[in-house]
Amino acid sequence: MHIAEGFLPPLHAAAWTAVAAPFVIHGTRSAGRIVRENPSARLLLGAAGAFTFVLSAIKLPSVTGSSSHPTGTGVGAILFRPPVMALLGTIVLLFQALLLAHGGLTTLGANAVSLAVVGPWVGYGLYRLLERAPLPLKVFAAVAGADLATYVTTATQLALAFPEGGFLAAWGRFLSVFAVTQVPLAIVEGLVGVLLINTLLSWARPELEDLGVVSREREASHV
């Protein structure tokens, strides 16, 4: 997920930054609109950013000297929709690059596309696709899916930058590096997401209803 500073060729780094920029701009506008329309959601918005920061800062050793990370963006995508997570995720990545040496400034755009754009959109897409399913199943699929989609995207970015043996061969190698740790990690993150949403329902259900995360009539019987 965190491609290191200077690891990507300059042209690739610039291209991914250009891809990420409109999503972050749109996310900034979306976050401002949510705060104006639901002032009570400010605390929850900050909590979503903090949750992403903490989870994605956890570094777990993987094979061949690499590492795997939770992402924390699936829950935020459920709460505030993917555009907002483009903003929050990029802010998180920026602070991690400056304070924790996770990722980098030149690779911020690439890391933002994988963690803050693709991951949230895949997670939210799964959440909506399973609209009629029980809430815990929807949340688990969204959170785990966002985690896995982030790593698939990162593997794609690396394979495009370093296509030794061809893109597909390189893509398979990069995916296999993380698969051993990332698949179980995604499952664990999905379960944590279910516990977190259930906890939020116990003390912030009105805010979740205002945000459209759950309805007043139907979801209560599914939790």
Protein backbone atom coordinates (compact mmCIF):
# COMPACT_ATOMS: atom_id res chain seq x y z
CA MET A 1 0.00 0.00 0.00
CA HIS A 2 2.72 2.48 0.95
CA ILE A 3 4.99 2.68 -2.09
CA ALA A 4 8.24 4.13 -0.78
CA GLU A 5 9.63 7.58 -1.56
CA GLY A 6 11.39 7.65 -4.92
CA PHE A 7 10.48 4.06 -5.78
CA LEU A 8 8.35 4.90 -8.83
CA PRO A 9 9.80 6.40 -12.01
CA PRO A 10 9.10 10.16 -12.13
CA LEU A 11 6.69 9.86 -15.06
CA HIS A 12 4.63 7.22 -13.25
CA ALA A 13 4.62 9.26 -10.03
CA ALA A 14 3.41 12.34 -11.89
CA ALA A 15 0.74 10.39 -13.78
CA TRP A 16 -0.72 8.88 -10.61
CA THR A 17 -0.73 12.30 -8.95
CA ALA A 18 -2.71 13.66 -11.89
CA VAL A 19 -5.19 10.77 -11.56
CA ALA A 20 -5.63 11.32 -7.82
CA ALA A 21 -6.01 15.11 -7.92
CA PRO A 22 -9.62 15.42 -9.21
CA PHE A 23 -10.83 12.81 -6.71
CA VAL A 24 -9.24 14.73 -3.82
CA ILE A 25 -10.72 18.03 -5.03
CA HIS A 26 -14.15 16.45 -5.33
CA GLY A 27 -13.72 14.88 -1.89
CA THR A 28 -12.91 18.27 -0.37
CA ARG A 29 -16.17 19.68 -1.72
CA SER A 30 -18.13 16.63 -0.56
CA ALA A 31 -16.72 16.83 2.95
CA GLY A 32 -17.59 20.53 3.15
CA ARG A 33 -21.15 19.83 2.05
CA ILE A 34 -21.59 17.07 4.63
CA VAL A 35 -20.33 19.30 7.42
CA ARG A 36 -22.70 22.10 6.36
CA GLU A 37 -25.72 19.82 6.07
CA ASN A 38 -24.93 17.64 9.13
CA PRO A 39 -22.88 19.62 11.67
CA SER A 40 -23.26 16.77 14.15
CA ALA A 41 -21.24 14.55 11.79
CA ARG A 42 -18.02 16.49 12.39
CA LEU A 43 -16.92 14.28 15.27
CA LEU A 44 -17.68 11.15 13.28
CA LEU A 45 -15.78 12.54 10.30
CA GLY A 46 -12.73 13.14 12.46
CA ALA A 47 -13.05 9.67 13.95
CA ALA A 48 -13.13 8.12 10.47
CA GLY A 49 -9.90 9.89 9.58
CA ALA A 50 -8.25 8.87 12.84
CA PHE A 51 -9.36 5.25 12.36
CA THR A 52 -7.81 5.21 8.88
CA PHE A 53 -4.59 6.76 10.19
CA VAL A 54 -4.20 4.25 13.02
CA LEU A 55 -5.04 1.13 11.04
CA SER A 56 -3.01 2.02 7.96
CA ALA A 57 -0.01 2.91 10.14
CA ILE A 58 0.18 -0.65 11.47
CA LYS A 59 3.00 -2.44 9.65
CA LEU A 60 2.98 -6.24 9.64
CA PRO A 61 5.97 -8.17 8.24
CA SER A 62 5.30 -10.04 5.01
CA VAL A 63 7.47 -12.31 2.87
CA THR A 64 10.68 -11.22 1.08
CA GLY A 65 11.22 -8.35 3.52
CA SER A 66 8.06 -6.48 2.54
CA SER A 67 5.11 -5.57 4.76
CA SER A 68 1.32 -5.58 4.77
CA HIS A 69 -1.07 -3.05 6.30
CA PRO A 70 -4.73 -2.72 7.15
CA THR A 71 -6.26 0.23 5.33
CA GLY A 72 -9.14 1.53 7.48
CA THR A 73 -10.91 3.12 4.51
CA GLY A 74 -13.83 0.72 4.16
CA VAL A 75 -15.58 1.96 7.28
CA GLY A 76 -15.17 5.59 6.21
CA ALA A 77 -16.56 4.80 2.76
CA ILE A 78 -19.67 3.29 4.36
CA LEU A 79 -20.15 6.28 6.64
CA PHE A 80 -19.36 9.17 4.30
CA ARG A 81 -19.16 7.72 0.75
CA PRO A 82 -15.97 7.29 -1.32
CA PRO A 83 -15.41 10.94 -2.37
CA VAL A 84 -14.87 12.00 1.25
CA MET A 85 -12.40 9.16 1.77
CA ALA A 86 -10.35 10.44 -1.16
CA LEU A 87 -9.72 13.54 0.94
CA LEU A 88 -9.31 11.82 4.31
CA GLY A 89 -7.14 9.05 2.92
CA THR A 90 -4.82 11.50 1.17
CA ILE A 91 -4.46 13.58 4.34
CA VAL A 92 -3.64 10.39 6.25
CA LEU A 93 -1.04 9.38 3.68
CA LEU A 94 0.52 12.84 3.75
CA PHE A 95 0.94 12.79 7.52
CA GLN A 96 2.27 9.24 7.45
CA ALA A 97 4.84 10.19 4.81
CA LEU A 98 5.97 13.22 6.84
CA LEU A 99 5.81 11.76 10.35
CA LEU A 100 6.24 7.99 10.01
CA ALA A 101 8.23 7.61 6.77
CA HIS A 102 5.44 5.40 5.41
CA GLY A 103 5.20 6.03 1.70
CA GLY A 104 6.52 9.33 0.39
CA LEU A 105 5.72 12.67 -1.19
CA THR A 106 6.65 11.65 -4.73
CA THR A 107 4.52 8.52 -4.42
CA LEU A 108 1.65 10.25 -2.60
CA GLY A 109 -0.52 10.28 -5.73
CA ALA A 110 -0.04 6.57 -6.40
CA ASN A 111 -0.70 5.66 -2.77
CA ALA A 112 -3.77 7.92 -2.74
CA VAL A 113 -5.21 6.20 -5.81
CA SER A 114 -4.88 2.76 -4.24
CA LEU A 115 -5.86 3.51 -0.63
CA ALA A 116 -8.05 6.61 -0.89
CA VAL A 117 -9.77 6.14 -4.26
CA VAL A 118 -9.96 2.55 -5.50
CA GLY A 119 -10.26 0.90 -2.08
CA PRO A 120 -13.18 3.05 -0.88
CA TRP A 121 -15.04 2.81 -4.19
CA VAL A 122 -14.76 -0.99 -4.31
CA GLY A 123 -15.81 -1.25 -0.66
CA TYR A 124 -18.78 1.05 -1.11
CA GLY A 125 -19.75 -0.73 -4.33
CA LEU A 126 -19.90 -4.03 -2.48
CA TYR A 127 -21.92 -2.40 0.29
CA ARG A 128 -24.51 -1.18 -2.19
CA LEU A 129 -24.46 -4.40 -4.21
CA LEU A 130 -25.41 -6.31 -1.06
CA GLU A 131 -28.09 -3.78 -0.14
CA ARG A 132 -30.65 -6.42 0.80
CA ALA A 133 -28.20 -8.51 2.83
CA PRO A 134 -27.89 -8.32 6.64
CA LEU A 135 -25.91 -5.31 7.77
CA PRO A 136 -22.98 -7.30 9.25
CA LEU A 137 -22.47 -9.12 5.96
CA LYS A 138 -22.57 -5.87 4.00
CA VAL A 139 -20.06 -4.21 6.30
CA PHE A 140 -17.69 -7.20 6.29
CA ALA A 141 -17.71 -7.43 2.49
CA ALA A 142 -17.16 -3.69 2.11
CA VAL A 143 -14.29 -3.41 4.58
CA ALA A 144 -12.49 -6.58 3.46
CA GLY A 145 -13.07 -5.70 -0.19
CA ALA A 146 -11.62 -2.20 0.25
CA ASP A 147 -8.53 -3.70 1.86
CA LEU A 148 -7.94 -6.23 -0.91
CA ALA A 149 -8.70 -3.74 -3.70
CA THR A 150 -6.02 -1.41 -2.33
CA TYR A 151 -3.38 -4.10 -2.61
CA VAL A 152 -4.48 -5.25 -6.04
CA THR A 153 -4.17 -1.64 -7.19
CA THR A 154 -0.72 -1.25 -5.64
CA ALA A 155 0.41 -4.47 -7.32
CA THR A 156 -0.89 -3.10 -10.62
CA GLN A 157 0.98 0.17 -10.15
CA LEU A 158 4.22 -1.66 -9.39
CA ALA A 159 3.79 -4.05 -12.32
CA LEU A 160 3.24 -1.12 -14.67
CA ALA A 161 6.40 0.55 -13.38
CA PHE A 162 8.54 -2.61 -13.36
CA PRO A 163 7.15 -5.04 -15.95
CA GLU A 164 10.05 -7.49 -15.95
CA GLY A 165 8.97 -10.58 -17.88
CA GLY A 166 5.83 -8.80 -19.02
CA PHE A 167 3.05 -7.01 -17.14
CA LEU A 168 1.06 -10.13 -16.19
CA ALA A 169 4.11 -11.97 -14.86
CA ALA A 170 5.17 -8.93 -12.83
CA TRP A 171 1.63 -8.40 -11.59
CA GLY A 172 1.42 -11.99 -10.38
CA ARG A 173 4.75 -11.66 -8.56
CA PHE A 174 3.73 -8.48 -6.76
CA LEU A 175 0.36 -9.94 -5.78
CA SER A 176 1.95 -13.13 -4.46
CA VAL A 177 4.32 -11.13 -2.24
CA PHE A 178 1.39 -9.80 -0.20
CA ALA A 179 -1.16 -12.59 -0.54
CA VAL A 180 0.11 -14.69 2.38
CA THR A 181 -0.49 -11.94 4.91
CA GLN A 182 -3.00 -9.69 3.17
CA VAL A 183 -5.85 -12.15 2.70
CA PRO A 184 -6.12 -13.04 6.42
CA LEU A 185 -5.51 -9.39 7.28
CA ALA A 186 -8.47 -8.36 5.12
CA ILE A 187 -10.67 -10.89 6.91
CA VAL A 188 -9.62 -9.54 10.30
CA GLU A 189 -10.20 -5.96 9.17
CA GLY A 190 -13.65 -6.93 7.92
CA LEU A 191 -14.54 -8.35 11.33
CA VAL A 192 -13.20 -5.23 13.07
CA GLY A 193 -15.36 -3.13 10.75
CA VAL A 194 -18.47 -5.07 11.75
CA LEU A 195 -17.70 -4.57 15.44
CA LEU A 196 -17.08 -0.86 14.91
CA ILE A 197 -20.30 -0.23 12.98
CA ASN A 198 -22.28 -2.16 15.59
CA THR A 199 -20.65 -0.04 18.31
CA LEU A 200 -21.50 3.15 16.43
CA LEU A 201 -25.11 2.02 16.15
CA SER A 202 -25.31 1.82 19.93
CA TRP A 203 -24.35 5.47 20.53
CA ALA A 204 -24.59 7.34 17.22
CA ARG A 205 -27.54 5.79 15.43
CA PRO A 206 -29.26 9.15 14.70
CA GLU A 207 -26.09 10.37 12.98
CA LEU A 208 -25.86 7.15 10.96
CA GLU A 209 -29.50 7.53 9.94
CA ASP A 210 -28.91 11.15 8.89
CA LEU A 211 -25.96 10.01 6.78
CA GLY A 212 -28.03 7.26 5.20
CA VAL A 213 -25.86 4.42 6.50
CA VAL A 214 -28.87 2.67 8.01
CA SER A 215 -32.59 3.23 7.63
CA ARG A 216 -34.99 3.77 10.47
CA GLU A 217 -37.22 0.89 9.51
CA ARG A 218 -35.25 -2.03 8.15
CA GLU A 219 -31.66 -2.29 9.35
CA ALA A 220 -32.40 -2.56 13.07
CA SER A 221 -33.66 -6.11 12.71
CA HIS A 222 -30.48 -7.18 10.90
CA VAL A 223 -27.84 -6.18 13.44
